[in-house]
C-alpha atoms as a PDB file:
ATOM      1  CA  MET A   1      51.183  91.413-194.628  1.00  0.00           C
ATOM      2  CA  VAL A   2      50.510  92.752-198.133  1.00  0.00           C
ATOM      3  CA  PRO A   3      51.585  90.309-200.847  1.00  0.00           C
ATOM      4  CA  PRO A   4      54.106  91.469-203.463  1.00  0.00           C
ATOM      5  CA  PRO A   5      52.522  93.230-206.482  1.00  0.00           C
ATOM      6  CA  ASP A   6      53.455  90.384-208.827  1.00  0.00           C
ATOM      7  CA  ARG A   7      51.871  87.720-206.603  1.00  0.00           C
ATOM      8  CA  PRO A   8      48.153  86.980-207.215  1.00  0.00           C
ATOM      9  CA  ARG A   9      45.965  87.698-204.212  1.00  0.00           C
ATOM     10  CA  ARG A  10      44.550  84.485-202.747  1.00  0.00           C
ATOM     11  CA  LEU A  11      40.842  84.009-203.079  1.00  0.00           C
ATOM     12  CA  ASN A  12      38.934  83.932-199.815  1.00  0.00           C
ATOM     13  CA  LEU A  13      36.434  81.185-198.997  1.00  0.00           C
ATOM     14  CA  GLN A  14      33.419  83.098-200.331  1.00  0.00           C
ATOM     15  CA  GLN A  15      35.157  83.891-203.606  1.00  0.00           C
ATOM     16  CA  ARG A  16      36.317  80.274-204.022  1.00  0.00           C
ATOM     17  CA  SER A  17      32.791  79.027-203.342  1.00  0.00           C
ATOM     18  CA  ARG A  18      31.359  81.407-205.908  1.00  0.00           C
ATOM     19  CA  LEU A  19      33.960  80.400-208.483  1.00  0.00           C
ATOM     20  CA  ALA A  20      33.313  76.700-207.807  1.00  0.00           C
ATOM     21  CA  GLY A  21      29.568  77.238-208.137  1.00  0.00           C
ATOM     22  CA  GLU A  22      29.869  79.136-211.391  1.00  0.00           C
ATOM     23  CA  ALA A  23      32.256  76.522-212.784  1.00  0.00           C
ATOM     24  CA  ALA A  24      29.891  73.684-211.817  1.00  0.00           C
ATOM     25  CA  ALA A  25      26.933  75.423-213.447  1.00  0.00           C
ATOM     26  CA  ALA A  26      28.936  76.134-216.580  1.00  0.00           C
ATOM     27  CA  ALA A  27      30.143  72.519-216.804  1.00  0.00           C
ATOM     28  CA  ALA A  28      26.671  71.068-216.238  1.00  0.00           C
ATOM     29  CA  GLU A  29      25.140  69.534-219.321  1.00  0.00           C
ATOM     30  CA  VAL A  30      21.565  68.359-219.642  1.00  0.00           C
ATOM     31  CA  GLU A  31      21.741  64.585-219.900  1.00  0.00           C
ATOM     32  CA  THR A  32      18.108  63.515-220.160  1.00  0.00           C
ATOM     33  CA  ALA A  33      16.301  66.831-220.254  1.00  0.00           C
ATOM     34  CA  LEU A  34      12.596  67.036-220.876  1.00  0.00           C
ATOM     35  CA  ALA A  35      11.924  68.653-224.237  1.00  0.00           C
ATOM     36  CA  HIS A  36       9.003  70.648-222.834  1.00  0.00           C
ATOM     37  CA  PRO A  37       8.896  70.647-219.023  1.00  0.00           C
ATOM     38  CA  ALA A  38       5.418  71.140-217.575  1.00  0.00           C
ATOM     39  CA  ASP A  39       6.704  74.088-215.562  1.00  0.00           C
ATOM     40  CA  PRO A  40      10.106  75.267-216.818  1.00  0.00           C
ATOM     41  CA  ARG A  41      10.523  77.358-213.673  1.00  0.00           C
ATOM     42  CA  ALA A  42      10.440  74.366-211.278  1.00  0.00           C
ATOM     43  CA  ALA A  43      13.199  71.850-210.559  1.00  0.00           C
ATOM     44  CA  ALA A  44      14.489  69.598-207.798  1.00  0.00           C
ATOM     45  CA  PHE A  45      18.038  69.395-206.458  1.00  0.00           C
ATOM     46  CA  PHE A  46      19.397  66.303-204.718  1.00  0.00           C
ATOM     47  CA  ASP A  47      22.580  65.925-202.716  1.00  0.00           C
ATOM     48  CA  VAL A  48      24.175  62.527-203.398  1.00  0.00           C
ATOM     49  CA  ASP A  49      26.108  61.181-200.389  1.00  0.00           C
ATOM     50  CA  ASN A  50      23.711  59.513-197.929  1.00  0.00           C
ATOM     51  CA  THR A  51      20.817  61.255-199.664  1.00  0.00           C
ATOM     52  CA  VAL A  52      20.609  59.454-202.998  1.00  0.00           C
ATOM     53  CA  MET A  53      23.323  56.909-202.269  1.00  0.00           C
ATOM     54  CA  GLN A  54      24.344  55.129-199.080  1.00  0.00           C
ATOM     55  CA  GLY A  55      27.845  56.239-198.130  1.00  0.00           C
ATOM     56  CA  ALA A  56      30.200  58.704-199.803  1.00  0.00           C
ATOM     57  CA  SER A  57      30.489  58.556-203.589  1.00  0.00           C
ATOM     58  CA  ILE A  58      34.117  59.761-203.507  1.00  0.00           C
ATOM     59  CA  PHE A  59      34.913  56.857-201.156  1.00  0.00           C
ATOM     60  CA  HIS A  60      33.438  54.311-203.577  1.00  0.00           C
ATOM     61  CA  LEU A  61      35.183  56.013-206.499  1.00  0.00           C
ATOM     62  CA  ALA A  62      38.606  56.161-204.835  1.00  0.00           C
ATOM     63  CA  ARG A  63      38.398  52.539-203.688  1.00  0.00           C
ATOM     64  CA  GLY A  64      37.407  51.396-207.178  1.00  0.00           C
ATOM     65  CA  LEU A  65      40.191  53.400-208.821  1.00  0.00           C
ATOM     66  CA  TYR A  66      42.756  52.039-206.362  1.00  0.00           C
ATOM     67  CA  ARG A  67      41.717  48.467-207.121  1.00  0.00           C
ATOM     68  CA  ARG A  68      42.314  49.234-210.796  1.00  0.00           C
ATOM     69  CA  LYS A  69      45.803  50.600-210.044  1.00  0.00           C
ATOM     70  CA  PHE A  70      44.699  54.069-211.128  1.00  0.00           C
ATOM     71  CA  PHE A  71      47.110  55.416-208.512  1.00  0.00           C
ATOM     72  CA  THR A  72      49.553  54.037-205.961  1.00  0.00           C
ATOM     73  CA  THR A  73      49.216  53.489-202.233  1.00  0.00           C
ATOM     74  CA  ARG A  74      51.833  56.193-201.757  1.00  0.00           C
ATOM     75  CA  ASP A  75      49.716  58.691-203.717  1.00  0.00           C
ATOM     76  CA  LEU A  76      46.644  57.981-201.652  1.00  0.00           C
ATOM     77  CA  VAL A  77      48.362  57.934-198.265  1.00  0.00           C
ATOM     78  CA  GLY A  78      50.046  61.227-199.156  1.00  0.00           C
ATOM     79  CA  ALA A  79      46.695  62.809-199.913  1.00  0.00           C
ATOM     80  CA  ALA A  80      45.266  61.372-196.696  1.00  0.00           C
ATOM     81  CA  TYR A  81      48.135  62.895-194.698  1.00  0.00           C
ATOM     82  CA  LYS A  82      47.552  66.336-196.216  1.00  0.00           C
ATOM     83  CA  GLN A  83      43.862  66.186-195.427  1.00  0.00           C
ATOM     84  CA  ALA A  84      44.543  65.100-191.826  1.00  0.00           C
ATOM     85  CA  TYR A  85      47.153  67.827-191.354  1.00  0.00           C
ATOM     86  CA  PHE A  86      44.760  70.398-192.786  1.00  0.00           C
ATOM     87  CA  ARG A  87      42.057  69.410-190.310  1.00  0.00           C
ATOM     88  CA  ILE A  88      44.484  69.901-187.411  1.00  0.00           C
ATOM     89  CA  ALA A  89      46.619  72.882-188.429  1.00  0.00           C
ATOM     90  CA  GLY A  90      45.351  74.142-191.783  1.00  0.00           C
ATOM     91  CA  VAL A  91      43.352  77.025-190.352  1.00  0.00           C
ATOM     92  CA  GLU A  92      46.570  78.562-189.059  1.00  0.00           C
ATOM     93  CA  ASP A  93      48.583  77.917-192.214  1.00  0.00           C
ATOM     94  CA  PRO A  94      47.220  79.658-195.359  1.00  0.00           C
ATOM     95  CA  GLU A  95      49.768  77.941-197.577  1.00  0.00           C
ATOM     96  CA  HIS A  96      48.583  74.523-196.419  1.00  0.00           C
ATOM     97  CA  VAL A  97      44.912  75.446-196.797  1.00  0.00           C
ATOM     98  CA  ALA A  98      45.453  75.877-200.530  1.00  0.00           C
ATOM     99  CA  GLU A  99      47.606  72.746-200.771  1.00  0.00           C
ATOM    100  CA  ALA A 100      45.107  70.562-198.923  1.00  0.00           C
ATOM    101  CA  ARG A 101      42.212  71.904-200.956  1.00  0.00           C
ATOM    102  CA  ASN A 102      43.924  71.048-204.219  1.00  0.00           C
ATOM    103  CA  SER A 103      45.081  67.637-202.934  1.00  0.00           C
ATOM    104  CA  ALA A 104      41.470  66.528-202.509  1.00  0.00           C
ATOM    105  CA  LEU A 105      41.408  65.326-206.134  1.00  0.00           C
ATOM    106  CA  ALA A 106      45.155  65.274-206.765  1.00  0.00           C
ATOM    107  CA  PHE A 107      45.070  61.506-207.228  1.00  0.00           C
ATOM    108  CA  ILE A 108      43.591  61.979-210.700  1.00  0.00           C
ATOM    109  CA  ALA A 109      46.416  64.252-211.871  1.00  0.00           C
ATOM    110  CA  GLY A 110      48.052  63.018-215.058  1.00  0.00           C
ATOM    111  CA  HIS A 111      45.101  60.841-216.005  1.00  0.00           C
ATOM    112  CA  THR A 112      42.648  61.651-218.761  1.00  0.00           C
ATOM    113  CA  VAL A 113      39.021  62.617-218.524  1.00  0.00           C
ATOM    114  CA  GLN A 114      38.204  59.638-220.748  1.00  0.00           C
ATOM    115  CA  GLU A 115      39.923  57.245-218.324  1.00  0.00           C
ATOM    116  CA  LEU A 116      37.939  58.516-215.361  1.00  0.00           C
ATOM    117  CA  GLU A 117      34.664  58.394-217.247  1.00  0.00           C
ATOM    118  CA  GLU A 118      35.229  54.849-218.522  1.00  0.00           C
ATOM    119  CA  LEU A 119      36.314  53.488-215.150  1.00  0.00           C
ATOM    120  CA  GLY A 120      33.503  55.407-213.480  1.00  0.00           C
ATOM    121  CA  GLU A 121      30.993  53.379-215.495  1.00  0.00           C
ATOM    122  CA  GLU A 122      32.441  50.144-214.121  1.00  0.00           C
ATOM    123  CA  ILE A 123      32.696  51.434-210.565  1.00  0.00           C
ATOM    124  CA  PHE A 124      29.089  52.625-210.602  1.00  0.00           C
ATOM    125  CA  ASP A 125      27.900  49.153-211.572  1.00  0.00           C
ATOM    126  CA  GLU A 126      29.978  47.322-208.966  1.00  0.00           C
ATOM    127  CA  ALA A 127      29.908  49.713-206.000  1.00  0.00           C
ATOM    128  CA  MET A 128      27.218  52.358-206.369  1.00  0.00           C
ATOM    129  CA  ALA A 129      24.128  51.032-208.160  1.00  0.00           C
ATOM    130  CA  HIS A 130      23.011  48.768-205.307  1.00  0.00           C
ATOM    131  CA  ARG A 131      23.545  51.569-202.783  1.00  0.00           C
ATOM    132  CA  ILE A 132      20.915  53.893-204.257  1.00  0.00           C
ATOM    133  CA  TRP A 133      18.160  54.543-201.691  1.00  0.00           C
ATOM    134  CA  PRO A 134      14.891  53.378-203.336  1.00  0.00           C
ATOM    135  CA  GLY A 135      12.889  55.974-201.404  1.00  0.00           C
ATOM    136  CA  THR A 136      14.990  58.870-202.644  1.00  0.00           C
ATOM    137  CA  ARG A 137      14.973  57.472-206.167  1.00  0.00           C
ATOM    138  CA  ALA A 138      11.168  57.426-205.996  1.00  0.00           C
ATOM    139  CA  LEU A 139      11.111  61.080-204.906  1.00  0.00           C
ATOM    140  CA  ALA A 140      13.294  62.042-207.859  1.00  0.00           C
ATOM    141  CA  GLN A 141      11.004  60.111-210.203  1.00  0.00           C
ATOM    142  CA  MET A 142       8.002  61.893-208.723  1.00  0.00           C
ATOM    143  CA  HIS A 143       9.476  65.229-209.765  1.00  0.00           C
ATOM    144  CA  LEU A 144      10.242  63.889-213.239  1.00  0.00           C
ATOM    145  CA  ASP A 145       6.686  62.577-213.549  1.00  0.00           C
ATOM    146  CA  GLN A 146       5.422  66.055-212.671  1.00  0.00           C
ATOM    147  CA  GLY A 147       7.373  67.429-215.597  1.00  0.00           C
ATOM    148  CA  GLN A 148      10.143  68.989-213.520  1.00  0.00           C
ATOM    149  CA  ARG A 149      13.868  68.841-214.109  1.00  0.00           C
ATOM    150  CA  VAL A 150      15.974  67.013-211.516  1.00  0.00           C
ATOM    151  CA  TRP A 151      19.625  67.788-210.817  1.00  0.00           C
ATOM    152  CA  LEU A 152      22.208  66.142-208.592  1.00  0.00           C
ATOM    153  CA  VAL A 153      24.386  68.543-206.583  1.00  0.00           C
ATOM    154  CA  THR A 154      27.498  66.901-205.155  1.00  0.00           C
ATOM    155  CA  ALA A 155      31.107  67.429-204.172  1.00  0.00           C
ATOM    156  CA  ALA A 156      32.075  64.463-206.359  1.00  0.00           C
ATOM    157  CA  PRO A 157      33.858  65.264-209.655  1.00  0.00           C
ATOM    158  CA  ILE A 158      31.450  66.556-212.295  1.00  0.00           C
ATOM    159  CA  GLU A 159      32.280  63.584-214.533  1.00  0.00           C
ATOM    160  CA  ILE A 160      31.089  61.118-211.883  1.00  0.00           C
ATOM    161  CA  ALA A 161      28.132  63.312-210.939  1.00  0.00           C
ATOM    162  CA  GLY A 162      27.020  63.341-214.561  1.00  0.00           C
ATOM    163  CA  LEU A 163      27.416  59.564-214.803  1.00  0.00           C
ATOM    164  CA  ILE A 164      25.200  58.987-211.753  1.00  0.00           C
ATOM    165  CA  ALA A 165      22.598  61.380-213.162  1.00  0.00           C
ATOM    166  CA  ARG A 166      22.573  59.560-216.508  1.00  0.00           C
ATOM    167  CA  ARG A 167      22.243  56.148-214.885  1.00  0.00           C
ATOM    168  CA  LEU A 168      19.290  57.355-212.813  1.00  0.00           C
ATOM    169  CA  GLY A 169      17.625  59.027-215.787  1.00  0.00           C
ATOM    170  CA  LEU A 170      17.871  62.515-214.281  1.00  0.00           C
ATOM    171  CA  THR A 171      18.249  65.826-216.043  1.00  0.00           C
ATOM    172  CA  GLY A 172      21.855  66.554-215.132  1.00  0.00           C
ATOM    173  CA  ALA A 173      24.317  67.207-212.348  1.00  0.00           C
ATOM    174  CA  LEU A 174      26.429  69.837-210.666  1.00  0.00           C
ATOM    175  CA  GLY A 175      29.756  68.661-209.246  1.00  0.00           C
ATOM    176  CA  THR A 176      33.291  69.678-208.370  1.00  0.00           C
ATOM    177  CA  VAL A 177      35.205  70.814-211.432  1.00  0.00           C
ATOM    178  CA  ALA A 178      38.742  69.434-211.672  1.00  0.00           C
ATOM    179  CA  GLU A 179      40.962  71.391-214.025  1.00  0.00           C
ATOM    180  CA  HIS A 180      42.143  69.579-217.128  1.00  0.00           C
ATOM    181  CA  VAL A 181      44.229  70.687-220.082  1.00  0.00           C
ATOM    182  CA  ASP A 182      43.850  68.915-223.425  1.00  0.00           C
ATOM    183  CA  GLY A 183      41.802  66.227-221.684  1.00  0.00           C
ATOM    184  CA  VAL A 184      44.411  65.527-218.955  1.00  0.00           C
ATOM    185  CA  TYR A 185      43.772  66.398-215.310  1.00  0.00           C
ATOM    186  CA  THR A 186      46.211  68.823-213.684  1.00  0.00           C
ATOM    187  CA  GLY A 187      45.269  67.830-210.122  1.00  0.00           C
ATOM    188  CA  ARG A 188      43.945  71.324-209.363  1.00  0.00           C
ATOM    189  CA  LEU A 189      40.380  72.449-208.785  1.00  0.00           C
ATOM    190  CA  VAL A 190      38.469  75.249-210.438  1.00  0.00           C
ATOM    191  CA  GLY A 191      37.515  77.291-207.404  1.00  0.00           C
ATOM    192  CA  ASP A 192      36.818  74.911-204.538  1.00  0.00           C
ATOM    193  CA  MET A 193      35.037  71.675-203.726  1.00  0.00           C
ATOM    194  CA  LEU A 194      31.310  71.900-204.478  1.00  0.00           C
ATOM    195  CA  HIS A 195      30.455  71.751-200.799  1.00  0.00           C
ATOM    196  CA  GLY A 196      28.350  73.852-198.434  1.00  0.00           C
ATOM    197  CA  PRO A 197      28.064  77.448-199.713  1.00  0.00           C
ATOM    198  CA  ALA A 198      29.492  76.448-203.101  1.00  0.00           C
ATOM    199  CA  LYS A 199      26.409  74.293-203.754  1.00  0.00           C
ATOM    200  CA  ALA A 200      24.158  77.285-203.173  1.00  0.00           C
ATOM    201  CA  GLU A 201      26.291  79.343-205.564  1.00  0.00           C
ATOM    202  CA  ALA A 202      26.049  76.604-208.218  1.00  0.00           C
ATOM    203  CA  ILE A 203      22.279  76.341-207.926  1.00  0.00           C
ATOM    204  CA  THR A 204      21.889  80.110-208.078  1.00  0.00           C
ATOM    205  CA  ALA A 205      24.018  80.268-211.231  1.00  0.00           C
ATOM    206  CA  LEU A 206      22.108  77.365-212.811  1.00  0.00           C
ATOM    207  CA  ALA A 207      18.757  78.965-211.918  1.00  0.00           C
ATOM    208  CA  GLU A 208      19.772  82.154-213.682  1.00  0.00           C
ATOM    209  CA  ARG A 209      20.897  80.224-216.746  1.00  0.00           C
ATOM    210  CA  GLU A 210      17.835  77.961-216.920  1.00  0.00           C
ATOM    211  CA  GLY A 211      15.195  80.509-215.899  1.00  0.00           C
ATOM    212  CA  LEU A 212      14.243  78.686-212.684  1.00  0.00           C
ATOM    213  CA  ASP A 213      12.178  80.214-209.894  1.00  0.00           C
ATOM    214  CA  LEU A 214      13.833  78.884-206.739  1.00  0.00           C
ATOM    215  CA  ALA A 215      10.659  79.537-204.739  1.00  0.00           C
ATOM    216  CA  LEU A 216       9.032  76.805-206.868  1.00  0.00           C
ATOM    217  CA  CYS A 217      11.958  74.396-206.520  1.00  0.00           C
ATOM    218  CA  SER A 218      12.718  71.583-204.081  1.00  0.00           C
ATOM    219  CA  ALA A 219      15.994  70.479-202.515  1.00  0.00           C
ATOM    220  CA  TYR A 220      16.984  67.328-200.650  1.00  0.00           C
ATOM    221  CA  SER A 221      19.966  66.597-198.404  1.00  0.00           C
ATOM    222  CA  ASP A 222      21.066  64.576-195.378  1.00  0.00           C
ATOM    223  CA  SER A 223      23.519  67.112-193.964  1.00  0.00           C
ATOM    224  CA  ALA A 224      23.392  70.422-192.120  1.00  0.00           C
ATOM    225  CA  ASN A 225      26.342  71.401-194.312  1.00  0.00           C
ATOM    226  CA  ASP A 226      23.772  71.835-197.078  1.00  0.00           C
ATOM    227  CA  LEU A 227      21.618  74.356-195.220  1.00  0.00           C
ATOM    228  CA  PRO A 228      22.728  77.082-197.681  1.00  0.00           C
ATOM    229  CA  MET A 229      21.315  74.959-200.526  1.00  0.00           C
ATOM    230  CA  LEU A 230      18.158  73.934-198.676  1.00  0.00           C
ATOM    231  CA  GLY A 231      17.481  77.508-197.633  1.00  0.00           C
ATOM    232  CA  LEU A 232      17.438  78.684-201.256  1.00  0.00           C
ATOM    233  CA  VAL A 233      14.306  76.820-202.308  1.00  0.00           C
ATOM    234  CA  GLY A 234      10.657  76.983-201.426  1.00  0.00           C
ATOM    235  CA  ASP A 235      10.411  73.248-200.670  1.00  0.00           C
ATOM    236  CA  PRO A 236      13.375  71.885-198.674  1.00  0.00           C
ATOM    237  CA  CYS A 237      13.394  68.294-197.437  1.00  0.00           C
ATOM    238  CA  ALA A 238      15.737  66.462-195.066  1.00  0.00           C
ATOM    239  CA  ILE A 239      16.609  62.927-196.202  1.00  0.00           C
ATOM    240  CA  ASN A 240      18.277  60.552-193.700  1.00  0.00           C
ATOM    241  CA  PRO A 241      19.241  63.703-191.771  1.00  0.00           C
ATOM    242  CA  ASP A 242      22.067  64.176-189.317  1.00  0.00           C
ATOM    243  CA  ALA A 243      21.068  65.419-185.847  1.00  0.00           C
ATOM    244  CA  ARG A 244      21.604  69.103-186.607  1.00  0.00           C
ATOM    245  CA  LEU A 245      19.647  69.029-189.854  1.00  0.00           C
ATOM    246  CA  ARG A 246      16.821  67.039-188.264  1.00  0.00           C
ATOM    247  CA  ALA A 247      16.496  69.629-185.495  1.00  0.00           C
ATOM    248  CA  HIS A 248      16.574  72.490-188.009  1.00  0.00           C
ATOM    249  CA  ALA A 249      13.995  70.805-190.240  1.00  0.00           C
ATOM    250  CA  ARG A 250      11.633  70.219-187.324  1.00  0.00           C
ATOM    251  CA  ALA A 251      12.013  73.801-186.122  1.00  0.00           C
ATOM    252  CA  HIS A 252      11.176  75.168-189.569  1.00  0.00           C
ATOM    253  CA  GLY A 253       8.457  72.695-190.524  1.00  0.00           C
ATOM    254  CA  TRP A 254      10.409  71.084-193.348  1.00  0.00           C
ATOM    255  CA  ARG A 255       9.606  67.610-194.629  1.00  0.00           C
ATOM    256  CA  ILE A 256      11.738  64.792-193.203  1.00  0.00           C
ATOM    257  CA  ARG A 257      12.212  61.370-194.806  1.00  0.00           C
ATOM    258  CA  ASP A 258      14.394  58.664-193.285  1.00  0.00           C
ATOM    259  CA  TYR A 259      14.969  55.500-195.284  1.00  0.00           C
ATOM    260  CA  ARG A 260      17.494  53.983-192.879  1.00  0.00           C
ATOM    261  CA  THR A 261      16.561  51.167-190.521  1.00  0.00           C
ATOM    262  CA  GLY A 262      18.502  49.494-187.718  1.00  0.00           C
ATOM    263  CA  ARG A 263      22.051  48.625-188.727  1.00  0.00           C
ATOM    264  CA  LYS A 264      21.722  50.585-191.966  1.00  0.00           C
ATOM    265  CA  ALA A 265      21.252  53.802-190.035  1.00  0.00           C
ATOM    266  CA  ALA A 266      24.231  53.077-187.828  1.00  0.00           C
ATOM    267  CA  ARG A 267      26.394  52.119-190.770  1.00  0.00           C
ATOM    268  CA  ALA A 268      25.416  55.247-192.690  1.00  0.00           C
ATOM    269  CA  GLY A 269      26.466  57.343-189.725  1.00  0.00           C
ATOM    270  CA  ILE A 270      29.900  55.717-189.755  1.00  0.00           C
ATOM    271  CA  VAL A 271      30.480  55.788-193.505  1.00  0.00           C
ATOM    272  CA  VAL A 272      29.196  59.334-194.048  1.00  0.00           C
ATOM    273  CA  GLY A 273      31.835  61.615-195.502  1.00  0.00           C
ATOM    274  CA  SER A 274      32.231  64.478-197.939  1.00  0.00           C
ATOM    275  CA  ALA A 275      34.621  64.777-200.856  1.00  0.00           C
ATOM    276  CA  ALA A 276      36.731  67.119-198.742  1.00  0.00           C
ATOM    277  CA  THR A 277      37.610  64.168-196.486  1.00  0.00           C
ATOM    278  CA  GLY A 278      37.220  61.437-199.093  1.00  0.00           C
ATOM    279  CA  ALA A 279      40.961  61.052-199.575  1.00  0.00           C
ATOM    280  CA  ALA A 280      41.449  60.476-195.864  1.00  0.00           C
ATOM    281  CA  ILE A 281      38.699  57.839-195.797  1.00  0.00           C
ATOM    282  CA  ALA A 282      40.144  56.093-198.829  1.00  0.00           C
ATOM    283  CA  GLY A 283      43.599  56.239-197.257  1.00  0.00           C
ATOM    284  CA  ALA A 284      42.296  54.358-194.243  1.00  0.00           C
ATOM    285  CA  VAL A 285      40.883  51.678-196.537  1.00  0.00           C
ATOM    286  CA  VAL A 286      44.196  51.330-198.334  1.00  0.00           C
ATOM    287  CA  ARG A 287      46.141  51.033-195.089  1.00  0.00           C
ATOM    288  CA  ARG A 288      43.764  48.303-193.909  1.00  0.00           C
ATOM    289  CA  GLN A 289      44.158  46.434-197.208  1.00  0.00           C
ATOM    290  CA  VAL A 290      47.946  46.722-197.019  1.00  0.00           C
ATOM    291  CA  ARG A 291      47.967  45.349-193.469  1.00  0.00           C
ATOM    292  CA  ARG A 292      45.829  42.403-194.569  1.00  0.00           C
ATOM    293  CA  HIS A 293      48.166  41.752-197.489  1.00  0.00           C
ATOM    294  CA  HIS A 294      51.215  41.566-195.218  1.00  0.00           C
ATOM    295  CA  SER A 295      49.535  39.709-192.353  1.00  0.00           C
END
């Protein structure tokens, strides 16, 4: 059915991914850039969740914000419901696809960028810093020591992505861009979540802006969802990989590094989650906390 002339045509997935990638690249700021990189054409790109950090960053963020009464249980459960409904019926309901996509970060609507950044500092210290994988951190430092720039590429909000990059002494970050007007979040996204193909679009846009040669660059991820990103560079590496990525990496002769051992590996497999399902994960945490409170 052709939409009415006065109704904007909905963006398809590829267009949303491209828009999200371009927005992430445009929002990226160099935090600790090398004044004169040894090879300005080379860089390294690191996924965050279960690659740099154990677990999902959006999970740690949402839990920390909830504990600080940044939003209500009702807000979070509502977002969790929309995400669950989307996973079941969203493909058949275009209206709900858009609603669920925008609800992924709706819990920050009405709050200011400054609030999120200030609370993010606290949440990083209490819930994220000790979850950084030392092995991955060492790989990032290796690239820095070689005079290369190092960027995080994550579905987490760009403000949190930039914070993590600063704390780790990296060059900068690419993350999901949440729309804000006069410093206040609207609850809508610019494009889509920085996930899957959108990450590849963001890196491509950044490479054009920074004069990078992707054939000289490296990329690291734990998930097969990031194959578009890994396939862009000349040196892809699987970190703590899921089964599909491990098989792909072996078949193509890519480097594989696994820093999980025993219970850590099992726990990482349970906790793993993307920002697209972060609200649902956080909702489960809230429901468990509420049950404990009333028990």
